[in-house]
N, C-alpha and C. Protein backbone atom coordinates (compact mmCIF):
# COMPACT_ATOMS: atom_id res chain seq x y z
N MET A 1 52.49 -8.55 -29.08
CA MET A 1 53.78 -9.44 -28.68
C MET A 1 55.30 -9.91 -29.82
N SER A 2 55.92 -9.66 -28.87
CA SER A 2 56.92 -9.81 -29.87
C SER A 2 57.97 -11.22 -28.76
N ALA A 3 58.66 -11.54 -30.47
CA ALA A 3 59.65 -12.45 -29.71
C ALA A 3 60.89 -12.31 -29.43
N TRP A 4 60.90 -13.55 -28.54
CA TRP A 4 61.72 -14.44 -27.77
C TRP A 4 62.86 -14.33 -27.62
N GLU A 5 64.30 -13.82 -27.55
CA GLU A 5 65.52 -14.74 -28.99
C GLU A 5 66.10 -15.43 -27.53
N GLN A 6 66.86 -16.32 -27.75
CA GLN A 6 67.84 -16.28 -27.27
C GLN A 6 69.25 -15.51 -27.34
N ARG A 7 70.17 -15.39 -25.83
CA ARG A 7 71.00 -14.23 -26.33
C ARG A 7 72.10 -14.74 -24.88
N LYS A 8 73.27 -14.38 -25.46
CA LYS A 8 74.26 -14.54 -24.70
C LYS A 8 74.99 -12.90 -23.33
N LEU A 9 74.48 -13.24 -21.79
CA LEU A 9 74.71 -12.80 -21.27
C LEU A 9 75.84 -11.51 -21.69
N GLY A 10 76.73 -11.75 -22.73
CA GLY A 10 77.92 -11.81 -23.01
C GLY A 10 77.52 -9.61 -23.73
N ASN A 11 76.15 -10.30 -24.88
CA ASN A 11 76.48 -9.82 -25.23
C ASN A 11 75.68 -8.42 -25.00
N LEU A 12 75.25 -8.67 -23.94
CA LEU A 12 74.18 -7.27 -23.83
C LEU A 12 74.46 -6.61 -22.20
N PHE A 13 75.85 -6.37 -22.50
CA PHE A 13 75.88 -5.01 -21.42
C PHE A 13 77.03 -5.01 -22.37
N SER A 14 77.91 -3.29 -22.21
CA SER A 14 77.96 -3.10 -22.56
C SER A 14 79.89 -2.83 -22.07
N PHE A 15 80.32 -3.35 -20.82
CA PHE A 15 81.86 -3.81 -20.09
C PHE A 15 81.05 -4.76 -19.03
N GLY A 16 82.28 -5.48 -18.95
CA GLY A 16 81.74 -6.60 -17.78
C GLY A 16 82.92 -6.90 -17.21
N GLY A 17 83.22 -7.50 -16.00
CA GLY A 17 84.73 -7.81 -15.66
C GLY A 17 84.89 -7.79 -14.35
N SER A 18 85.83 -8.62 -13.46
CA SER A 18 85.72 -9.25 -12.72
C SER A 18 86.66 -8.65 -11.95
N GLY A 19 86.33 -7.93 -10.51
CA GLY A 19 87.01 -7.28 -9.84
C GLY A 19 88.94 -7.88 -9.06
N GLY A 20 89.61 -7.59 -7.83
CA GLY A 20 90.85 -8.01 -7.23
C GLY A 20 90.35 -7.38 -5.86
N THR A 21 91.21 -7.81 -5.02
CA THR A 21 91.47 -7.54 -4.16
C THR A 21 93.21 -6.93 -3.58
N PRO A 22 92.85 -5.48 -3.16
CA PRO A 22 94.48 -5.27 -2.62
C PRO A 22 94.95 -6.63 -1.60
N SER A 23 96.28 -6.39 -1.47
CA SER A 23 97.02 -7.29 -0.09
C SER A 23 96.50 -6.86 1.00
N VAL A 24 95.67 -8.50 2.15
CA VAL A 24 95.20 -7.76 3.15
C VAL A 24 96.53 -7.36 3.91
N SER A 25 98.05 -8.38 3.54
CA SER A 25 98.40 -7.92 4.43
C SER A 25 98.74 -6.15 5.06
N ASN A 26 98.85 -5.33 3.26
CA ASN A 26 99.10 -4.58 3.20
C ASN A 26 98.39 -2.90 4.70
N ASP A 27 98.22 -3.27 5.14
CA ASP A 27 97.05 -2.39 5.62
C ASP A 27 97.20 -0.75 5.32
N SER A 28 97.93 0.15 4.68
CA SER A 28 97.60 0.80 3.83
C SER A 28 96.56 0.47 2.78
N PHE A 29 96.34 -0.40 1.98
CA PHE A 29 95.55 -0.39 1.36
C PHE A 29 94.13 -1.03 1.39
N TYR A 30 93.64 -0.27 3.07
CA TYR A 30 92.75 -0.75 3.07
C TYR A 30 91.71 0.04 4.30
N GLY A 31 90.83 1.12 4.49
CA GLY A 31 90.63 1.66 4.92
C GLY A 31 90.16 3.40 4.60
N GLY A 32 89.91 3.54 3.21
CA GLY A 32 90.02 4.65 2.02
C GLY A 32 88.96 4.75 1.53
N LYS A 33 88.53 5.37 1.15
CA LYS A 33 86.82 6.93 0.86
C LYS A 33 86.53 5.19 -0.28
N ILE A 34 87.16 4.19 -0.52
CA ILE A 34 86.41 4.08 -2.01
C ILE A 34 86.00 2.46 -1.92
N PRO A 35 84.22 2.50 -1.79
CA PRO A 35 83.86 1.39 -1.67
C PRO A 35 84.33 0.06 -2.01
N PHE A 36 84.28 -0.81 -1.20
CA PHE A 36 85.09 -2.40 -1.44
C PHE A 36 84.24 -2.98 -1.37
N LEU A 37 83.29 -3.96 -2.32
CA LEU A 37 82.28 -5.22 -1.76
C LEU A 37 82.72 -6.04 -1.85
N GLY A 38 81.76 -6.75 -0.53
CA GLY A 38 82.04 -7.94 -0.02
C GLY A 38 80.91 -8.44 -0.18
N ILE A 39 80.57 -10.46 -0.54
CA ILE A 39 79.82 -11.00 -0.53
C ILE A 39 78.59 -10.55 0.84
N SER A 40 79.05 -10.18 2.09
CA SER A 40 78.11 -10.39 3.20
C SER A 40 77.42 -8.68 2.71
N ASP A 41 78.17 -8.03 2.13
CA ASP A 41 76.87 -6.32 1.52
C ASP A 41 76.06 -6.42 0.73
N VAL A 42 75.97 -7.69 -0.28
CA VAL A 42 74.65 -7.89 -1.22
C VAL A 42 73.71 -8.63 -0.06
N LYS A 43 72.17 -7.88 0.24
CA LYS A 43 71.37 -8.30 0.53
C LYS A 43 69.97 -7.64 0.44
N GLY A 44 70.35 -7.75 -1.10
CA GLY A 44 68.78 -7.58 -2.02
C GLY A 44 69.46 -6.86 -3.37
N ARG A 45 68.74 -5.97 -3.40
CA ARG A 45 68.55 -5.23 -5.09
C ARG A 45 69.57 -4.62 -5.33
N ASP A 46 69.68 -3.80 -4.06
CA ASP A 46 69.91 -2.29 -4.41
C ASP A 46 71.50 -2.28 -3.29
N ILE A 47 72.29 -2.44 -3.27
CA ILE A 47 73.33 -2.51 -2.85
C ILE A 47 74.06 -1.03 -2.46
N SER A 48 73.86 -0.39 -1.08
CA SER A 48 73.96 0.85 -1.60
C SER A 48 75.47 1.85 -0.20
N GLN A 49 75.59 0.52 0.45
CA GLN A 49 76.86 0.56 1.09
C GLN A 49 77.68 -0.55 1.44
N THR A 50 78.92 -0.68 1.98
CA THR A 50 80.27 -1.91 1.81
C THR A 50 79.97 -1.50 3.71
N ALA A 51 80.70 -2.99 3.90
CA ALA A 51 81.42 -2.88 4.91
C ALA A 51 83.43 -1.79 5.43
N LYS A 52 83.81 -2.49 3.81
CA LYS A 52 85.12 -2.39 3.84
C LYS A 52 84.88 -1.18 2.93
N HIS A 53 86.36 -0.55 3.11
CA HIS A 53 86.66 0.59 1.75
C HIS A 53 88.22 0.15 1.70
N ILE A 54 88.29 0.56 0.61
CA ILE A 54 90.34 0.73 0.50
C ILE A 54 90.19 1.06 -0.35
N THR A 55 91.72 2.40 -0.25
CA THR A 55 92.75 3.33 -0.39
C THR A 55 93.04 3.53 -2.70
N GLU A 56 93.42 4.81 -2.55
CA GLU A 56 93.76 4.37 -4.17
C GLU A 56 95.15 4.16 -4.34
N LYS A 57 95.88 3.42 -2.99
CA LYS A 57 96.95 3.06 -3.23
C LYS A 57 96.30 1.45 -3.62
N GLY A 58 95.49 1.21 -2.65
CA GLY A 58 95.40 -0.60 -2.89
C GLY A 58 94.72 -0.85 -4.33
N LEU A 59 93.32 0.23 -4.66
CA LEU A 59 93.27 -0.08 -5.69
C LEU A 59 93.96 -0.12 -7.54
N ALA A 60 95.29 0.44 -6.74
CA ALA A 60 96.30 0.09 -7.91
C ALA A 60 96.94 -0.06 -7.58
N ALA A 61 97.45 -1.16 -6.57
CA ALA A 61 97.88 -2.74 -6.48
C ALA A 61 97.28 -3.28 -6.38
N SER A 62 96.28 -3.68 -7.27
CA SER A 62 95.59 -4.82 -7.08
C SER A 62 94.62 -4.65 -8.60
N ALA A 63 94.01 -5.72 -9.41
CA ALA A 63 93.33 -5.53 -10.56
C ALA A 63 91.84 -5.02 -10.22
N ALA A 64 91.57 -4.47 -9.02
CA ALA A 64 90.36 -4.16 -8.86
C ALA A 64 89.75 -2.68 -9.55
N TRP A 65 89.10 -2.51 -9.83
CA TRP A 65 88.86 -0.89 -10.69
C TRP A 65 87.31 -0.25 -10.07
N VAL A 66 87.28 1.04 -10.86
CA VAL A 66 85.52 1.02 -9.72
C VAL A 66 85.20 1.32 -10.41
N VAL A 67 83.80 0.57 -9.97
CA VAL A 67 82.46 -0.08 -11.14
C VAL A 67 81.56 0.87 -10.45
N PRO A 68 81.11 1.40 -12.00
CA PRO A 68 80.02 2.65 -12.05
C PRO A 68 79.25 2.36 -11.05
N SER A 69 77.98 3.94 -10.80
CA SER A 69 76.78 3.20 -9.44
C SER A 69 76.02 2.84 -10.84
N GLY A 70 75.30 1.95 -10.96
CA GLY A 70 74.08 1.01 -11.42
C GLY A 70 74.86 -0.14 -11.63
N ALA A 71 76.05 -0.77 -12.06
CA ALA A 71 75.69 -1.93 -12.50
C ALA A 71 75.12 -3.07 -11.04
N VAL A 72 75.67 -3.92 -12.03
CA VAL A 72 75.00 -5.44 -11.99
C VAL A 72 75.70 -6.38 -11.90
N CYS A 73 75.84 -6.81 -9.77
CA CYS A 73 77.47 -7.59 -9.47
C CYS A 73 76.49 -8.53 -9.64
N LEU A 74 77.31 -9.54 -9.69
CA LEU A 74 77.10 -11.21 -9.76
C LEU A 74 78.52 -11.84 -8.92
N ALA A 75 77.58 -12.46 -7.87
CA ALA A 75 78.98 -13.63 -6.64
C ALA A 75 79.52 -14.58 -7.75
N MET A 76 80.50 -14.51 -7.99
CA MET A 76 81.16 -16.21 -8.61
C MET A 76 81.81 -17.24 -7.48
N TYR A 77 81.45 -16.49 -6.13
CA TYR A 77 82.44 -17.02 -5.63
C TYR A 77 81.32 -18.08 -4.72
N ALA A 78 81.33 -18.76 -3.45
CA ALA A 78 81.27 -19.20 -2.34
C ALA A 78 79.70 -19.29 -2.81
N SER A 79 78.99 -17.74 -2.93
CA SER A 79 77.43 -17.69 -3.16
C SER A 79 77.43 -17.22 -4.26
N VAL A 80 77.70 -18.53 -4.49
CA VAL A 80 77.56 -18.51 -6.65
C VAL A 80 76.40 -17.69 -6.96
N GLY A 81 76.18 -17.20 -7.43
CA GLY A 81 74.56 -17.14 -7.97
C GLY A 81 73.88 -15.53 -7.50
N LYS A 82 74.97 -14.91 -6.08
CA LYS A 82 73.90 -13.93 -5.44
C LYS A 82 74.11 -12.83 -6.20
N VAL A 83 73.14 -12.38 -6.43
CA VAL A 83 72.68 -10.63 -7.98
C VAL A 83 72.88 -9.30 -6.39
N GLY A 84 73.29 -7.72 -6.53
CA GLY A 84 73.03 -6.71 -6.43
C GLY A 84 73.29 -5.65 -7.47
N ILE A 85 72.65 -4.55 -7.31
CA ILE A 85 73.21 -3.65 -7.91
C ILE A 85 73.57 -2.37 -6.92
N ILE A 86 74.77 -1.96 -7.24
CA ILE A 86 75.48 -1.02 -6.51
C ILE A 86 75.20 0.39 -6.69
N ARG A 87 74.95 0.66 -6.01
CA ARG A 87 74.18 2.22 -6.14
C ARG A 87 74.49 3.16 -5.58
N GLN A 88 76.47 2.75 -6.00
CA GLN A 88 77.44 4.00 -5.58
C GLN A 88 78.76 3.81 -6.22
N ASN A 89 79.37 4.10 -6.52
CA ASN A 89 81.17 3.58 -7.63
C ASN A 89 81.84 3.03 -6.21
N THR A 90 81.91 2.33 -6.83
CA THR A 90 82.19 0.32 -5.71
C THR A 90 83.66 -0.36 -6.28
N ALA A 91 84.42 -0.08 -5.44
CA ALA A 91 85.17 -1.39 -6.34
C ALA A 91 85.04 -2.98 -5.85
N THR A 92 85.40 -4.26 -6.95
CA THR A 92 84.25 -5.81 -6.54
C THR A 92 85.90 -6.38 -5.89
N SER A 93 85.90 -7.33 -5.26
CA SER A 93 86.41 -8.30 -5.52
C SER A 93 86.35 -9.46 -6.45
N GLN A 94 87.88 -10.54 -6.79
CA GLN A 94 87.71 -11.31 -7.92
C GLN A 94 86.41 -12.15 -8.35
N ALA A 95 85.51 -12.01 -6.48
CA ALA A 95 84.77 -13.44 -6.52
C ALA A 95 83.40 -11.95 -7.32
N PHE A 96 83.62 -11.72 -7.74
CA PHE A 96 82.50 -10.80 -8.13
C PHE A 96 82.31 -10.80 -9.92
N PHE A 97 81.29 -10.73 -10.08
CA PHE A 97 81.58 -9.94 -11.71
C PHE A 97 80.69 -9.07 -12.20
N ASN A 98 81.05 -8.37 -12.88
CA ASN A 98 81.32 -7.06 -13.14
C ASN A 98 80.39 -6.35 -14.07
N MET A 99 78.37 -5.62 -14.45
CA MET A 99 77.84 -5.28 -15.32
C MET A 99 77.55 -4.14 -15.51
N VAL A 100 78.24 -3.64 -16.94
CA VAL A 100 77.57 -2.45 -16.69
C VAL A 100 76.86 -2.35 -18.38
N PHE A 101 75.70 -1.61 -17.93
CA PHE A 101 74.71 -1.36 -19.26
C PHE A 101 74.77 0.60 -19.96
N ASP A 102 74.03 -0.64 -20.43
CA ASP A 102 73.68 1.26 -21.39
C ASP A 102 72.85 1.56 -21.16
N ASN A 103 71.46 0.61 -20.61
CA ASN A 103 70.24 1.35 -20.38
C ASN A 103 70.33 0.09 -19.35
N ASP A 104 69.20 1.70 -18.58
CA ASP A 104 68.19 0.60 -16.57
C ASP A 104 67.22 -0.25 -17.60
N GLY A 105 66.59 -0.06 -18.15
CA GLY A 105 66.24 -1.34 -18.79
C GLY A 105 66.28 -2.67 -18.74
N THR A 106 67.18 -2.96 -19.42
CA THR A 106 68.11 -3.77 -20.52
C THR A 106 68.70 -4.54 -18.92
N ARG A 107 69.50 -3.41 -17.99
CA ARG A 107 70.28 -3.78 -16.98
C ARG A 107 68.83 -4.86 -15.29
N ASP A 108 68.07 -3.88 -15.41
CA ASP A 108 66.96 -4.33 -14.37
C ASP A 108 66.24 -5.30 -14.48
N PHE A 109 66.21 -5.63 -16.34
CA PHE A 109 65.90 -7.02 -16.67
C PHE A 109 66.50 -8.23 -16.66
N VAL A 110 67.66 -7.58 -16.78
CA VAL A 110 69.11 -8.89 -16.49
C VAL A 110 68.96 -8.61 -15.49
N TYR A 111 69.03 -7.75 -14.12
CA TYR A 111 69.07 -8.69 -12.83
C TYR A 111 67.73 -8.80 -12.29
N SER A 112 66.72 -8.55 -13.05
CA SER A 112 66.20 -9.76 -12.35
C SER A 112 65.24 -11.40 -12.90
N ARG A 113 66.19 -11.62 -14.36
CA ARG A 113 66.73 -12.58 -14.39
C ARG A 113 67.89 -13.59 -14.32
N LEU A 114 68.86 -12.74 -13.58
CA LEU A 114 69.62 -13.59 -12.85
C LEU A 114 69.19 -13.94 -11.35
N GLU A 115 68.72 -12.92 -10.52
CA GLU A 115 68.13 -13.26 -9.37
C GLU A 115 67.20 -14.38 -9.23
N ARG A 116 66.22 -14.66 -10.68
CA ARG A 116 66.07 -16.04 -10.82
C ARG A 116 66.82 -17.17 -10.67
N ALA A 117 67.21 -17.26 -11.24
CA ALA A 117 68.49 -17.93 -11.37
C ALA A 117 68.81 -18.45 -10.74
N GLU A 118 69.65 -17.40 -9.83
CA GLU A 118 69.63 -18.09 -8.53
C GLU A 118 68.83 -19.37 -7.20
N LEU A 119 67.45 -18.44 -7.54
CA LEU A 119 66.70 -19.11 -6.85
C LEU A 119 66.59 -20.25 -7.58
N THR A 120 66.14 -20.27 -9.01
CA THR A 120 66.09 -21.20 -9.48
C THR A 120 67.14 -22.58 -9.81
N ALA A 121 68.74 -22.19 -9.11
CA ALA A 121 69.77 -23.21 -9.18
C ALA A 121 70.37 -23.81 -10.62
N GLU A 122 69.37 -22.77 -11.16
CA GLU A 122 70.57 -22.72 -13.29
C GLU A 122 71.88 -22.41 -12.99
N TRP A 123 72.46 -22.15 -12.21
CA TRP A 123 73.67 -21.88 -11.87
C TRP A 123 74.75 -22.79 -12.01
N GLU A 124 73.65 -24.29 -10.89
CA GLU A 124 75.02 -25.21 -10.27
C GLU A 124 75.28 -26.22 -11.60
N ALA A 125 74.75 -26.44 -13.48
CA ALA A 125 75.49 -27.08 -13.81
C ALA A 125 76.79 -26.76 -14.57
N LEU A 126 77.05 -25.49 -14.30
CA LEU A 126 77.56 -24.00 -14.43
C LEU A 126 79.08 -24.40 -13.91
N ILE A 127 78.28 -24.60 -12.06
CA ILE A 127 79.92 -24.53 -11.05
C ILE A 127 81.13 -25.55 -10.87
N SER A 128 82.53 -25.11 -11.25
CA SER A 128 83.31 -26.28 -11.34
C SER A 128 83.67 -26.11 -9.81
N THR A 129 83.53 -28.08 -9.22
CA THR A 129 84.14 -27.56 -7.89
C THR A 129 85.75 -28.05 -7.18
N GLY A 130 86.38 -28.02 -6.26
CA GLY A 130 88.01 -27.26 -6.24
C GLY A 130 87.98 -27.21 -5.25
N THR A 131 89.13 -26.33 -4.40
CA THR A 131 88.87 -26.13 -2.98
C THR A 131 87.50 -24.55 -2.66
N GLN A 132 86.64 -25.07 -4.15
CA GLN A 132 85.38 -23.55 -3.53
C GLN A 132 84.74 -23.76 -4.53
N ARG A 133 83.65 -23.89 -4.56
CA ARG A 133 82.15 -23.66 -5.55
C ARG A 133 83.33 -21.87 -6.52
N ASN A 134 83.11 -22.13 -7.62
CA ASN A 134 83.29 -20.70 -8.17
C ASN A 134 82.51 -21.08 -9.68
N LEU A 135 82.05 -19.54 -10.25
CA LEU A 135 82.16 -20.15 -11.87
C LEU A 135 83.00 -18.25 -12.06
N ASN A 136 82.92 -19.13 -13.16
CA ASN A 136 83.87 -17.73 -14.15
C ASN A 136 83.68 -16.77 -15.44
N ALA A 137 84.44 -15.96 -15.39
CA ALA A 137 84.17 -14.82 -16.54
C ALA A 137 83.03 -15.22 -18.00
N ASN A 138 84.19 -16.65 -18.21
CA ASN A 138 83.14 -17.40 -19.40
C ASN A 138 81.82 -18.01 -19.35
N LYS A 139 82.28 -18.36 -17.87
CA LYS A 139 80.49 -19.38 -17.76
C LYS A 139 79.83 -18.09 -17.59
N VAL A 140 79.90 -16.98 -16.70
CA VAL A 140 78.86 -16.04 -16.85
C VAL A 140 78.30 -15.58 -18.47
N ARG A 141 79.68 -14.84 -19.50
CA ARG A 141 79.23 -14.29 -20.57
C ARG A 141 78.65 -15.04 -20.81
N ASP A 142 78.85 -16.24 -21.44
CA ASP A 142 78.45 -17.45 -22.35
C ASP A 142 76.56 -18.44 -21.64
N PHE A 143 76.12 -17.68 -20.39
CA PHE A 143 74.85 -17.70 -19.63
C PHE A 143 73.69 -17.25 -20.54
N MET A 144 73.33 -18.49 -21.71
CA MET A 144 72.00 -17.81 -22.00
C MET A 144 71.11 -17.60 -21.44
N LEU A 145 70.45 -16.70 -22.02
CA LEU A 145 68.93 -16.13 -21.55
C LEU A 145 67.71 -15.52 -22.67
N ALA A 146 66.72 -16.16 -22.64
CA ALA A 146 65.51 -15.83 -23.28
C ALA A 146 65.41 -14.07 -23.36
N VAL A 147 65.09 -12.75 -24.39
CA VAL A 147 65.23 -11.69 -24.14
C VAL A 147 64.06 -11.29 -24.74
N PRO A 148 63.88 -10.16 -24.58
CA PRO A 148 62.51 -9.97 -25.28
C PRO A 148 63.35 -8.47 -25.72
N ALA A 149 62.27 -7.84 -27.01
CA ALA A 149 62.29 -6.50 -27.32
C ALA A 149 63.18 -5.49 -26.17
N GLU A 150 64.03 -4.28 -26.56
CA GLU A 150 63.90 -3.63 -25.62
C GLU A 150 63.25 -2.94 -24.84
N THR A 151 61.94 -3.10 -25.49
CA THR A 151 60.85 -1.74 -24.81
C THR A 151 60.71 -3.02 -23.60
N GLU A 152 60.17 -4.20 -23.83
CA GLU A 152 59.72 -5.41 -23.03
C GLU A 152 60.28 -4.89 -22.08
N GLN A 153 61.98 -5.12 -22.33
CA GLN A 153 62.98 -5.86 -20.57
C GLN A 153 62.63 -4.51 -20.09
N ARG A 154 62.09 -3.16 -20.60
CA ARG A 154 62.12 -2.02 -19.54
C ARG A 154 60.43 -1.86 -18.20
N LEU A 155 59.81 -2.32 -19.59
CA LEU A 155 58.68 -2.91 -18.72
C LEU A 155 58.85 -3.98 -17.70
N ILE A 156 58.93 -5.13 -17.80
CA ILE A 156 59.71 -5.76 -17.45
C ILE A 156 60.23 -6.08 -15.92
N GLY A 157 61.66 -5.46 -16.36
CA GLY A 157 62.40 -4.54 -15.42
C GLY A 157 61.69 -4.25 -14.56
N GLN A 158 61.33 -2.62 -15.04
CA GLN A 158 60.28 -2.13 -14.28
C GLN A 158 59.56 -2.86 -13.09
N LEU A 159 58.86 -3.57 -13.59
CA LEU A 159 57.65 -4.67 -13.14
C LEU A 159 58.96 -4.27 -11.98
N PHE A 160 59.61 -5.81 -12.10
CA PHE A 160 60.34 -5.89 -11.07
C PHE A 160 61.25 -5.16 -9.69
N SER A 161 61.21 -4.12 -10.46
CA SER A 161 62.08 -3.27 -9.71
C SER A 161 60.85 -2.84 -8.72
N ARG A 162 59.39 -2.16 -9.05
CA ARG A 162 58.74 -1.90 -8.66
C ARG A 162 57.76 -3.17 -6.68
N LEU A 163 58.04 -4.08 -8.34
CA LEU A 163 57.97 -5.15 -6.62
C LEU A 163 58.86 -5.44 -6.00
N ASP A 164 59.93 -5.37 -5.81
CA ASP A 164 61.42 -5.95 -5.12
C ASP A 164 61.01 -4.65 -3.55
N ALA A 165 60.77 -2.65 -4.43
CA ALA A 165 60.90 -1.88 -4.25
C ALA A 165 59.32 -1.62 -2.67
N LEU A 166 58.30 -2.67 -3.35
CA LEU A 166 57.16 -2.86 -2.09
C LEU A 166 57.86 -4.08 -0.86
N ILE A 167 58.22 -5.27 -1.23
CA ILE A 167 59.11 -6.13 -0.70
C ILE A 167 59.42 -5.79 -0.12
N THR A 168 60.19 -4.96 -0.16
CA THR A 168 61.48 -4.20 1.26
C THR A 168 60.43 -3.31 2.02
N LEU A 169 59.43 -2.70 1.13
CA LEU A 169 59.29 -1.96 2.36
C LEU A 169 58.03 -2.52 3.68
N HIS A 170 57.11 -3.46 2.59
CA HIS A 170 56.87 -4.08 3.84
C HIS A 170 58.12 -4.96 4.67
N GLN A 171 59.27 -5.73 4.65
CA GLN A 171 59.77 -6.36 5.54
C GLN A 171 60.01 -4.79 7.30
N ARG A 172 60.54 -3.80 6.10
CA ARG A 172 61.07 -3.02 7.21
C ARG A 172 59.39 -2.61 7.66
N LYS A 173 58.26 -2.58 8.28
CA LYS A 173 57.39 -2.69 8.87
C LYS A 173 58.29 -4.27 9.79
């Protein structure tokens, strides 16, 4: 058995950042072909569709970027800690911190660990309050977690991925 070490979340992904929202007062920014993630689209591990779509013009006029399929998206506002894996290239609002990983094993391990953080209210101590409860990108990057060797990350990630698939199957019945 290998030793686990404490690591910052920001040291585990290859690229991360929040999104942006095109101005809702400009109709030409919406109704395009680019999926645009909203908190109501996060209903479990896999996010394969979004209710809203934006245009290339909307993408260019905002801080939004196209997050590649397979990235982990973590809600930083309102439903703090809600997490999912996008299954298509998708733009997100600034309410999400998006993490792109070099390998699926680490991604699946981190997803499962962040899901646990939401369920056990680990984010609560890091939430800022004001007009709205929220995290910020620095708090997400600095979030500490115990991490095993890559081989174990992959195995743990696969286990929880299979469990999630099994749960989804039983829920569909």
